């Protein structure tokens, strides 16, 4: 019974090291050395019981082969899942960062929209007949549409790239519109 557990642990650990740890180390020799170390541990675990009982040795060898195959299938699925999970986490983090930039521009624009003093001092920020403000509103609509598309996890990373470009265009359009309306980006001109 102990021999069975030892064989299962050795084979599963060897397959894990070969399929998960080896590729992460980016060393071409690591696969060989993990396999070699696993075999060095496995051979005594199979050969010693085989000396006492040849049938036990055959059973342990068959078990080792079966566990190696099952572990390889499991590791293939687990590795694919982990890679997909890391890719999704990276995409989610980028989406959160882009959403924060988007919200920052919208918040700055809303200050011109909701603050009565700013509406009086800078009416150009609310007038879509002015080309710069019209471009800003168009950039906001484009960024909002792409934000919805980028929030779906099954969407391609190209949508996230399009959203990033739209946010950059939105920031630029806001700066241009604010400069045209106030005379300087980010500065409120105090009127007498």
Protein backbone atom coordinates (compact mmCIF):
# COMPACT_ATOMS: atom_id res chain seq x y z
CA UNK A 1 0.00 0.00 0.00
CA UNK A 2 2.80 2.43 0.87
CA UNK A 3 4.53 1.62 -2.41
CA UNK A 4 1.40 2.58 -4.35
CA UNK A 5 1.22 5.99 -2.65
CA UNK A 6 4.94 6.55 -3.22
CA UNK A 7 4.64 5.72 -6.94
CA UNK A 8 1.61 7.99 -7.37
CA UNK A 9 3.31 10.91 -5.61
CA UNK A 10 6.59 10.51 -7.50
CA UNK A 11 4.94 10.26 -10.92
CA UNK A 12 2.49 13.11 -10.30
CA UNK A 13 5.27 15.37 -8.98
CA UNK A 14 7.50 14.52 -11.93
CA UNK A 15 4.77 15.28 -14.47
CA UNK A 16 3.96 18.54 -12.68
CA UNK A 17 7.62 19.57 -12.71
CA UNK A 18 8.03 18.70 -16.39
CA UNK A 19 4.82 20.36 -17.62
CA UNK A 20 4.47 23.38 -15.31
CA UNK A 21 7.75 24.23 -13.65
CA UNK A 22 10.04 23.41 -16.58
CA UNK A 23 8.48 25.79 -19.14
CA UNK A 24 8.35 28.60 -16.56
CA UNK A 25 12.10 28.35 -15.96
CA UNK A 26 12.84 28.85 -19.68
CA UNK A 27 15.73 26.38 -19.43
CA UNK A 28 15.82 23.76 -22.20
CA UNK A 29 17.61 21.26 -19.96
CA UNK A 30 15.11 21.47 -17.09
CA UNK A 31 12.70 19.00 -18.71
CA UNK A 32 15.45 16.39 -18.97
CA UNK A 33 16.61 16.90 -15.40
CA UNK A 34 13.09 16.76 -13.96
CA UNK A 35 12.42 13.54 -15.89
CA UNK A 36 15.77 12.10 -14.84
CA UNK A 37 15.20 12.91 -11.16
CA UNK A 38 11.70 11.44 -11.32
CA UNK A 39 12.97 8.22 -12.87
CA UNK A 40 15.78 7.99 -10.31
CA UNK A 41 13.16 8.14 -7.54
CA UNK A 42 10.65 5.92 -9.34
CA UNK A 43 12.97 3.03 -10.26
CA UNK A 44 13.75 1.98 -6.67
CA UNK A 45 10.08 2.37 -5.74
CA UNK A 46 9.14 -0.09 -8.51
CA UNK A 47 12.21 -2.39 -8.62
CA UNK A 48 12.50 -3.15 -4.90
CA UNK A 49 8.95 -4.53 -4.61
CA UNK A 50 9.49 -6.35 -7.95
CA UNK A 51 12.40 -8.30 -6.42
CA UNK A 52 10.13 -9.66 -3.70
CA UNK A 53 7.10 -10.16 -5.94
CA UNK A 54 7.30 -9.79 -9.75
CA UNK A 55 3.52 -9.31 -9.97
CA UNK A 56 3.72 -6.34 -7.55
CA UNK A 57 6.44 -4.80 -9.70
CA UNK A 58 4.29 -5.18 -12.83
CA UNK A 59 1.29 -3.65 -11.05
CA UNK A 60 3.37 -0.72 -9.81
CA UNK A 61 4.83 -0.17 -13.29
CA UNK A 62 1.33 -0.22 -14.82
CA UNK A 63 0.14 2.17 -12.11
CA UNK A 64 3.05 4.50 -12.85
CA UNK A 65 2.20 4.55 -16.55
CA UNK A 66 -1.49 5.16 -15.83
CA UNK A 67 -0.76 7.96 -13.32
CA UNK A 68 1.70 9.56 -15.76
CA UNK A 69 -0.96 9.68 -18.48
CA UNK A 70 -3.70 10.92 -16.17
CA UNK A 71 -1.39 13.55 -14.65
CA UNK A 72 -0.32 14.73 -18.10
CA UNK A 73 -3.95 15.17 -19.19
CA UNK A 74 -4.80 16.98 -15.97
CA UNK A 75 -1.74 19.24 -16.24
CA UNK A 76 -2.53 20.09 -19.85
CA UNK A 77 -6.04 21.25 -18.89
CA UNK A 78 -4.84 22.97 -15.73
CA UNK A 79 -2.03 24.77 -17.56
CA UNK A 80 -4.44 26.00 -20.24
CA UNK A 81 -6.81 27.18 -17.53
CA UNK A 82 -4.06 29.02 -15.65
CA UNK A 83 -2.74 30.71 -18.79
CA UNK A 84 -6.28 31.81 -19.70
CA UNK A 85 -6.82 33.05 -16.16
CA UNK A 86 -3.62 35.11 -16.22
CA UNK A 87 -4.55 36.56 -19.61
CA UNK A 88 -8.03 37.47 -18.32
CA UNK A 89 -6.61 39.04 -15.16
CA UNK A 90 -4.25 41.18 -17.24
CA UNK A 91 -7.09 42.23 -19.52
CA UNK A 92 -9.31 43.05 -16.53
CA UNK A 93 -6.59 45.16 -14.92
CA UNK A 94 -6.08 47.07 -18.15
CA UNK A 95 -9.84 47.58 -18.48
CA UNK A 96 -10.01 48.96 -14.92
CA UNK A 97 -7.16 51.37 -15.65
CA UNK A 98 -8.81 52.56 -18.88
CA UNK A 99 -12.16 52.94 -17.13
CA UNK A 100 -10.51 55.12 -14.47
CA UNK A 101 -9.02 57.37 -17.15
CA UNK A 102 -12.43 57.53 -18.86
CA UNK A 103 -14.17 58.45 -15.59
CA UNK A 104 -11.59 61.15 -14.88
CA UNK A 105 -12.30 62.89 -18.18
CA UNK A 106 -16.06 62.56 -17.74
CA UNK A 107 -15.81 63.97 -14.20
CA UNK A 108 -13.84 66.97 -15.45
CA UNK A 109 -16.37 67.56 -18.22
CA UNK A 110 -19.27 67.22 -15.77
CA UNK A 111 -17.79 70.02 -13.69
CA UNK A 112 -18.40 72.32 -16.68
CA UNK A 113 -21.83 70.81 -17.22
CA UNK A 114 -23.14 70.92 -13.63
CA UNK A 115 -21.37 73.91 -12.07
CA UNK A 116 -23.48 77.00 -12.76
CA UNK A 117 -20.52 79.36 -12.38
CA UNK A 118 -18.53 77.42 -14.95
CA UNK A 119 -21.54 77.32 -17.28
CA UNK A 120 -21.67 81.10 -17.17
CA UNK A 121 -17.91 81.63 -17.42
CA UNK A 122 -17.28 78.96 -20.09
CA UNK A 123 -20.42 78.42 -22.15
CA UNK A 124 -18.34 76.97 -25.01
CA UNK A 125 -17.83 73.73 -23.04
CA UNK A 126 -21.58 73.01 -23.34
CA UNK A 127 -22.19 74.33 -26.86
CA UNK A 128 -21.95 71.53 -29.44
CA UNK A 129 -22.04 74.09 -32.27
CA UNK A 130 -18.41 74.82 -31.43
CA UNK A 131 -16.24 72.33 -33.35
CA UNK A 132 -13.97 71.49 -30.41
CA UNK A 133 -16.94 70.73 -28.13
CA UNK A 134 -18.64 68.71 -30.87
CA UNK A 135 -15.45 66.66 -31.27
CA UNK A 136 -15.40 66.12 -27.49
CA UNK A 137 -19.00 64.88 -27.42
CA UNK A 138 -18.28 62.56 -30.36
CA UNK A 139 -15.16 61.20 -28.60
CA UNK A 140 -17.20 60.64 -25.41
CA UNK A 141 -19.85 58.70 -27.30
CA UNK A 142 -17.21 56.55 -29.03
CA UNK A 143 -15.40 55.83 -25.76
CA UNK A 144 -18.66 54.92 -24.01
CA UNK A 145 -19.65 52.51 -26.77
CA UNK A 146 -16.24 50.83 -26.74
CA UNK A 147 -16.30 50.68 -22.94
CA UNK A 148 -19.42 48.53 -23.10
CA UNK A 149 -17.78 46.25 -25.68
CA UNK A 150 -14.52 45.99 -23.73
CA UNK A 151 -16.33 44.98 -20.54
CA UNK A 152 -17.45 41.64 -22.02
CA UNK A 153 -14.92 38.91 -21.12
CA UNK A 154 -15.45 37.01 -24.38
CA UNK A 155 -14.48 40.02 -26.50
CA UNK A 156 -11.11 39.99 -28.21
CA UNK A 157 -8.23 42.02 -26.87
CA UNK A 158 -8.54 44.12 -30.04
CA UNK A 159 -11.66 45.71 -28.51
CA UNK A 160 -9.62 46.66 -25.46
CA UNK A 161 -6.98 48.18 -27.74
CA UNK A 162 -9.70 50.13 -29.56
CA UNK A 163 -11.01 51.32 -26.18
CA UNK A 164 -7.51 52.46 -25.17
CA UNK A 165 -7.20 54.45 -28.40
CA UNK A 166 -10.66 55.96 -27.85
CA UNK A 167 -9.67 57.05 -24.33
CA UNK A 168 -6.55 58.72 -25.70
CA UNK A 169 -8.66 60.52 -28.32
CA UNK A 170 -11.15 61.52 -25.60
CA UNK A 171 -8.42 62.98 -23.40
CA UNK A 172 -6.99 64.89 -26.34
CA UNK A 173 -10.43 66.14 -27.41
CA UNK A 174 -11.18 67.29 -23.88
CA UNK A 175 -7.89 69.15 -23.63
CA UNK A 176 -8.49 70.85 -26.99
CA UNK A 177 -12.09 71.79 -26.08
CA UNK A 178 -11.06 73.04 -22.65
CA UNK A 179 -8.24 75.10 -24.13
CA UNK A 180 -10.62 76.60 -26.71
CA UNK A 181 -13.23 77.40 -24.05
CA UNK A 182 -11.05 78.63 -21.18
CA UNK A 183 -7.81 79.65 -22.81
CA UNK A 184 -5.70 77.13 -20.86
CA UNK A 185 -6.25 73.42 -20.12
CA UNK A 186 -7.14 72.67 -16.53
CA UNK A 187 -7.13 76.33 -15.49
CA UNK A 188 -10.20 78.30 -14.67
CA UNK A 189 -9.93 81.89 -15.78
CA UNK A 190 -11.25 84.21 -13.04
CA UNK A 191 -13.43 86.88 -14.56
CA UNK A 192 -13.80 90.32 -13.03
